[in-house]
Amino acid sequence: MRYIIFICVCIILFCSTVQAETMYVGNEIKITLRTGQGIDHKILAMIKPGQEVEALQTDDDWTQVKLPNGTEGWVLTRFLTYDKPCRLELEILKKKYETLSAQSSFLLKENTVYKEESKRFHTELSGSKEMLAAVSKSYDTLKKESADFLELKSKYELTSSQLADQTKKAEDMEEELSKLLWHRNIIWFLSGAGVLVFGILIGYSAKRQRRRSSLL
């Protein structure tokens, strides 16, 4: 029996919970939350305009409600509405505006930071482009100078080879000339010696001729 009663109570509570609806206190005045249906019941709290409440059960004049803090009581039905009060809507909009303003301020700060970073990146990019242009120019100059150097090196090697050949030819010619001079000197020496001997012979022959003549 107790088990059945417990189940029934749970079902009733569940139904009451399911049937509970969200309502709002109107914008006009504060209303009283009482312990029962009627102004002769004790006041539990004063509910401010726009307050959200949970309607547990309703009749024509009084509605049982539950406040966000868990307090339950009865209020006059005519002061309740299913529409969100303008004041509550205004507060919600105000909070949304404040949130959006904060987000907007944050985004503006981020935008400023991004602009500064973008400006810095553009400056660095310009510097990198100038550096790249300078490096490219230096590379082209080095490439040209390298080509000129290789050409000069080739000419130098060719000239050095020709000079070596000419030097060898000059040395050979000088050696040949030295041999010719040596041979000429020998010939002149021999010629001179022959002339001298021939002169001596002629002198000796003439001397003998004179002697013969004197004897006759």
Protein backbone atom coordinates (compact mmCIF):
# COMPACT_ATOMS: atom_id res chain seq x y z
CA MET A 1 0.00 0.00 0.00
CA ARG A 2 2.78 2.42 0.92
CA TYR A 3 4.52 1.50 -2.31
CA ILE A 4 1.41 2.34 -4.33
CA ILE A 5 0.98 5.66 -2.51
CA PHE A 6 4.64 6.49 -3.15
CA ILE A 7 4.19 5.76 -6.83
CA CYS A 8 1.08 7.94 -7.01
CA VAL A 9 2.86 10.83 -5.28
CA CYS A 10 5.77 10.50 -7.70
CA ILE A 11 3.38 10.51 -10.63
CA ILE A 12 1.62 13.61 -9.29
CA LEU A 13 4.93 15.39 -8.73
CA PHE A 14 6.10 14.35 -12.15
CA CYS A 15 2.92 15.62 -13.74
CA SER A 16 3.21 18.88 -11.82
CA THR A 17 6.80 19.24 -13.00
CA VAL A 18 5.82 18.51 -16.56
CA GLN A 19 2.96 20.98 -16.42
CA ALA A 20 5.14 23.74 -14.97
CA GLU A 21 5.51 26.71 -17.31
CA THR A 22 7.81 29.70 -17.37
CA MET A 23 5.99 33.01 -16.80
CA TYR A 24 7.04 36.56 -16.01
CA VAL A 25 5.85 39.28 -13.66
CA GLY A 26 4.52 42.31 -15.52
CA ASN A 27 6.37 45.60 -15.90
CA GLU A 28 4.07 47.73 -13.71
CA ILE A 29 4.68 47.09 -10.01
CA LYS A 30 6.16 44.68 -7.52
CA ILE A 31 3.79 41.92 -6.50
CA THR A 32 3.51 39.86 -3.33
CA LEU A 33 4.23 36.16 -3.04
CA ARG A 34 1.87 34.67 -0.43
CA THR A 35 1.51 31.37 1.30
CA GLY A 36 -1.98 30.80 -0.10
CA GLN A 37 -4.69 32.07 -2.39
CA GLY A 38 -5.90 35.33 -0.89
CA ILE A 39 -4.60 38.60 0.44
CA ASP A 40 -5.13 37.37 4.00
CA HIS A 41 -2.25 34.88 3.65
CA LYS A 42 1.26 35.64 4.81
CA ILE A 43 3.60 37.46 2.41
CA LEU A 44 6.70 35.41 1.64
CA ALA A 45 8.49 37.83 -0.68
CA MET A 46 8.11 40.82 -2.97
CA ILE A 47 8.68 39.97 -6.61
CA LYS A 48 10.13 42.73 -8.75
CA PRO A 49 8.72 43.58 -12.19
CA GLY A 50 10.01 41.40 -14.99
CA GLN A 51 10.98 38.55 -12.65
CA GLU A 52 10.94 35.09 -14.22
CA VAL A 53 8.91 32.51 -12.29
CA GLU A 54 7.86 28.90 -12.75
CA ALA A 55 4.07 28.48 -12.81
CA LEU A 56 3.15 25.25 -11.01
CA GLN A 57 -0.66 25.47 -11.13
CA THR A 58 -3.07 28.19 -12.20
CA ASP A 59 -6.72 29.11 -11.70
CA ASP A 60 -8.63 32.22 -12.63
CA ASP A 61 -7.36 34.50 -9.85
CA TRP A 62 -4.26 32.92 -8.29
CA THR A 63 -1.26 31.02 -9.61
CA GLN A 64 1.17 28.94 -7.63
CA VAL A 65 4.73 29.84 -8.67
CA LYS A 66 8.29 28.88 -7.83
CA LEU A 67 11.02 31.50 -7.70
CA PRO A 68 14.55 30.89 -9.00
CA ASN A 69 15.77 30.57 -5.38
CA GLY A 70 13.32 27.70 -4.79
CA THR A 71 10.67 29.64 -2.82
CA GLU A 72 7.09 28.62 -3.66
CA GLY A 73 3.93 30.64 -3.14
CA TRP A 74 0.87 32.19 -4.71
CA VAL A 75 0.55 35.37 -6.77
CA LEU A 76 -2.32 37.08 -8.54
CA THR A 77 -2.68 35.62 -12.02
CA ARG A 78 -3.42 38.94 -13.68
CA PHE A 79 0.09 40.19 -12.93
CA LEU A 80 1.70 37.29 -14.81
CA THR A 81 2.39 37.03 -18.53
CA TYR A 82 3.90 34.51 -20.91
CA ASP A 83 5.65 37.27 -22.81
CA LYS A 84 9.02 38.45 -21.68
CA PRO A 85 8.61 41.94 -20.19
CA CYS A 86 10.13 44.88 -21.99
CA ARG A 87 12.38 45.53 -19.02
CA LEU A 88 13.71 41.98 -19.15
CA GLU A 89 14.09 42.17 -22.91
CA LEU A 90 15.88 45.48 -22.45
CA GLU A 91 18.23 43.97 -19.88
CA ILE A 92 18.88 41.01 -22.18
CA LEU A 93 19.53 43.35 -25.08
CA LYS A 94 21.71 45.52 -22.85
CA LYS A 95 23.76 42.49 -21.82
CA LYS A 96 24.01 41.42 -25.44
CA TYR A 97 25.05 44.96 -26.38
CA GLU A 98 27.67 45.02 -23.63
CA THR A 99 28.93 41.63 -24.76
CA LEU A 100 29.01 42.74 -28.38
CA SER A 101 30.68 46.02 -27.38
CA ALA A 102 33.33 44.11 -25.46
CA GLN A 103 33.80 41.77 -28.40
CA SER A 104 33.90 44.73 -30.76
CA SER A 105 36.50 46.47 -28.60
CA PHE A 106 38.54 43.27 -28.48
CA LEU A 107 38.21 42.85 -32.23
CA LEU A 108 39.23 46.47 -32.77
CA LYS A 109 42.31 45.91 -30.63
CA GLU A 110 43.07 42.71 -32.54
CA ASN A 111 42.49 44.56 -35.81
CA THR A 112 44.94 47.26 -34.70
CA VAL A 113 47.49 44.60 -33.76
CA TYR A 114 46.93 42.83 -37.09
CA LYS A 115 47.34 46.13 -38.93
CA GLU A 116 50.61 46.81 -37.10
CA GLU A 117 51.79 43.27 -37.85
CA SER A 118 50.69 43.62 -41.47
CA LYS A 119 52.55 46.94 -41.71
CA ARG A 120 55.63 45.33 -40.18
CA PHE A 121 55.33 42.37 -42.55
CA HIS A 122 55.02 44.74 -45.52
CA THR A 123 58.11 46.61 -44.33
CA GLU A 124 60.02 43.37 -43.90
CA LEU A 125 58.75 42.20 -47.28
CA SER A 126 59.95 45.42 -48.91
CA GLY A 127 63.33 44.99 -47.22
CA SER A 128 63.46 41.37 -48.38
CA LYS A 129 62.60 42.42 -51.93
CA GLU A 130 65.35 45.07 -51.87
CA MET A 131 67.80 42.53 -50.45
CA LEU A 132 66.76 40.03 -53.12
CA ALA A 133 67.24 42.66 -55.83
CA ALA A 134 70.70 43.50 -54.44
CA VAL A 135 71.63 39.81 -54.24
CA SER A 136 70.35 39.25 -57.78
CA LYS A 137 72.37 42.22 -59.01
CA SER A 138 75.46 40.98 -57.19
CA TYR A 139 74.88 37.52 -58.63
CA ASP A 140 74.58 38.93 -62.16
CA THR A 141 77.72 41.01 -61.65
CA LEU A 142 79.59 38.03 -60.23
CA LYS A 143 78.35 35.86 -63.07
CA LYS A 144 79.52 38.42 -65.62
CA GLU A 145 82.83 38.91 -63.84
CA SER A 146 83.23 35.16 -63.62
CA ALA A 147 82.64 34.87 -67.35
CA ASP A 148 85.15 37.69 -67.97
CA PHE A 149 87.57 36.02 -65.57
CA LEU A 150 87.25 32.69 -67.35
CA GLU A 151 87.76 34.42 -70.68
CA LEU A 152 90.81 36.29 -69.35
CA LYS A 153 92.11 33.09 -67.82
CA SER A 154 91.74 31.31 -71.16
CA LYS A 155 93.52 34.17 -72.95
CA TYR A 156 96.22 34.21 -70.29
CA GLU A 157 96.80 30.48 -70.60
CA LEU A 158 96.91 30.78 -74.40
CA THR A 159 99.31 33.74 -74.22
CA SER A 160 101.43 31.93 -71.63
CA SER A 161 101.57 28.89 -73.90
CA GLN A 162 102.52 31.05 -76.89
CA LEU A 163 105.10 32.89 -74.79
CA ALA A 164 106.56 29.58 -73.63
CA ASP A 165 106.78 28.42 -77.24
CA GLN A 166 108.37 31.70 -78.34
CA THR A 167 110.76 31.58 -75.38
CA LYS A 168 111.81 28.05 -76.33
CA LYS A 169 112.22 29.11 -79.96
CA ALA A 170 114.28 32.13 -78.85
CA GLU A 171 116.45 29.90 -76.66
CA ASP A 172 116.89 27.47 -79.56
CA MET A 173 117.75 30.36 -81.91
CA GLU A 174 120.16 31.80 -79.37
CA GLU A 175 121.82 28.42 -79.04
CA GLU A 176 122.07 28.12 -82.84
CA LEU A 177 123.43 31.66 -83.03
CA SER A 178 126.01 30.86 -80.38
CA LYS A 179 127.06 27.80 -82.38
CA LEU A 180 127.29 29.86 -85.57
CA LEU A 181 129.32 32.54 -83.82
CA TRP A 182 131.59 29.89 -82.41
CA HIS A 183 132.01 28.31 -85.82
CA ARG A 184 132.64 31.77 -87.39
CA ASN A 185 135.21 32.63 -84.79
CA ILE A 186 136.94 29.36 -85.42
CA ILE A 187 136.84 30.00 -89.16
CA TRP A 188 138.17 33.54 -88.65
CA PHE A 189 140.88 32.21 -86.38
CA LEU A 190 141.85 29.54 -88.85
CA SER A 191 141.67 32.03 -91.72
CA GLY A 192 143.87 34.47 -89.81
CA ALA A 193 146.31 31.72 -88.94
CA GLY A 194 146.40 30.60 -92.59
CA VAL A 195 147.01 34.14 -93.77
CA LEU A 196 149.76 34.52 -91.17
CA VAL A 197 151.41 31.27 -92.17
CA PHE A 198 151.00 32.17 -95.82
CA GLY A 199 152.56 35.58 -95.13
CA ILE A 200 155.46 33.97 -93.29
CA LEU A 201 155.98 31.56 -96.14
CA ILE A 202 155.87 34.36 -98.68
CA GLY A 203 158.31 36.41 -96.55
CA TYR A 204 160.63 33.47 -96.15
CA SER A 205 160.48 32.74 -99.88
CA ALA A 206 161.19 36.36 -100.74
CA LYS A 207 164.13 36.41 -98.34
CA ARG A 208 165.66 33.34 -99.99
CA GLN A 209 165.10 34.92 -103.36
CA ARG A 210 167.01 38.00 -102.29
CA ARG A 211 169.83 35.89 -100.98
CA ARG A 212 170.17 34.10 -104.27
CA SER A 213 170.21 37.32 -106.12
CA SER A 214 173.04 38.67 -103.95
CA LEU A 215 175.14 35.59 -104.54
CA LEU A 216 174.96 35.99 -108.27
